[in-house]
Amino acid sequence: MGKYDKAFEDLTRLLETEPDNTIALKYRDEINYMMKRYNESIADLEKLLRIKPNDVWAKKANKLVKG
């Protein structure tokens, strides 16, 4: 199991019970980005922005991932 795999699994499990947990979405996005899973990263960021449309961090990260 890779360095981020366990954290990713834990965050995914948490999001199954708390789908609007913005902190878990941010951390999972960061893991996806570091593992070059950009589509998954974008999906988490878009969900985060639906929950918190004015989240400055999410807006900046979304622009970074989309290029």
Protein backbone atom coordinates (compact mmCIF):
# COMPACT_ATOMS: atom_id res chain seq x y z
CA MET A 1 0.00 0.00 0.00
CA GLY A 2 1.40 3.35 -1.01
CA LYS A 3 2.06 6.33 1.16
CA TYR A 4 -1.30 7.99 0.52
CA ASP A 5 -3.50 4.95 -0.08
CA LYS A 6 -4.51 4.40 3.55
CA ALA A 7 -5.38 8.06 4.05
CA PHE A 8 -7.36 8.05 0.80
CA GLU A 9 -9.31 4.97 1.92
CA ASP A 10 -10.03 6.49 5.34
CA LEU A 11 -11.22 9.76 3.81
CA THR A 12 -13.40 7.93 1.30
CA ARG A 13 -14.95 5.89 4.10
CA LEU A 14 -15.61 9.07 6.08
CA LEU A 15 -17.21 10.73 3.04
CA GLU A 16 -19.54 7.75 2.66
CA THR A 17 -21.07 8.61 6.03
CA GLU A 18 -20.51 12.39 5.87
CA PRO A 19 -20.67 13.32 2.17
CA ASP A 20 -20.62 17.06 2.88
CA ASN A 21 -17.51 16.98 5.08
CA THR A 22 -15.52 19.79 3.47
CA ILE A 23 -12.32 19.05 5.37
CA ALA A 24 -12.31 15.43 4.17
CA LEU A 25 -13.00 16.62 0.61
CA LYS A 26 -10.03 19.01 0.77
CA TYR A 27 -7.65 16.36 2.05
CA ARG A 28 -8.86 13.77 -0.44
CA ASP A 29 -8.47 16.33 -3.24
CA GLU A 30 -4.88 16.94 -2.19
CA ILE A 31 -4.14 13.21 -2.24
CA ASN A 32 -5.75 12.84 -5.67
CA TYR A 33 -3.69 15.75 -6.97
CA MET A 34 -0.42 14.39 -5.56
CA MET A 35 -1.18 11.00 -7.11
CA LYS A 36 -1.93 12.71 -10.45
CA ARG A 37 -5.57 11.62 -10.43
CA TYR A 38 -6.72 14.95 -11.77
CA ASN A 39 -10.27 13.99 -12.78
CA GLU A 40 -10.95 12.73 -9.26
CA SER A 41 -9.37 15.87 -7.84
CA ILE A 42 -11.65 18.05 -9.96
CA ALA A 43 -14.71 16.04 -8.88
CA ASP A 44 -13.91 16.59 -5.19
CA LEU A 45 -13.24 20.29 -5.74
CA GLU A 46 -16.48 20.78 -7.66
CA LYS A 47 -18.43 19.05 -4.89
CA LEU A 48 -16.66 21.20 -2.32
CA LEU A 49 -17.56 24.34 -4.28
CA ARG A 50 -21.22 23.28 -4.45
CA ILE A 51 -21.20 23.05 -0.64
CA LYS A 52 -19.08 26.17 -0.05
CA PRO A 53 -19.20 28.29 -3.23
CA ASN A 54 -17.02 31.04 -1.76
CA ASP A 55 -14.21 28.78 -0.53
CA VAL A 56 -11.10 30.64 -1.72
CA TRP A 57 -8.79 27.63 -1.33
CA ALA A 58 -11.10 25.41 -3.42
CA LYS A 59 -11.40 28.05 -6.14
CA LYS A 60 -7.62 28.41 -6.40
CA ALA A 61 -7.04 24.65 -6.33
CA ASN A 62 -9.71 24.13 -9.00
CA LYS A 63 -7.96 26.61 -11.31
CA LEU A 64 -4.61 24.92 -10.66
CA VAL A 65 -5.89 21.43 -11.43
CA LYS A 66 -7.79 22.49 -14.54
CA GLY A 67 -4.74 24.39 -15.78
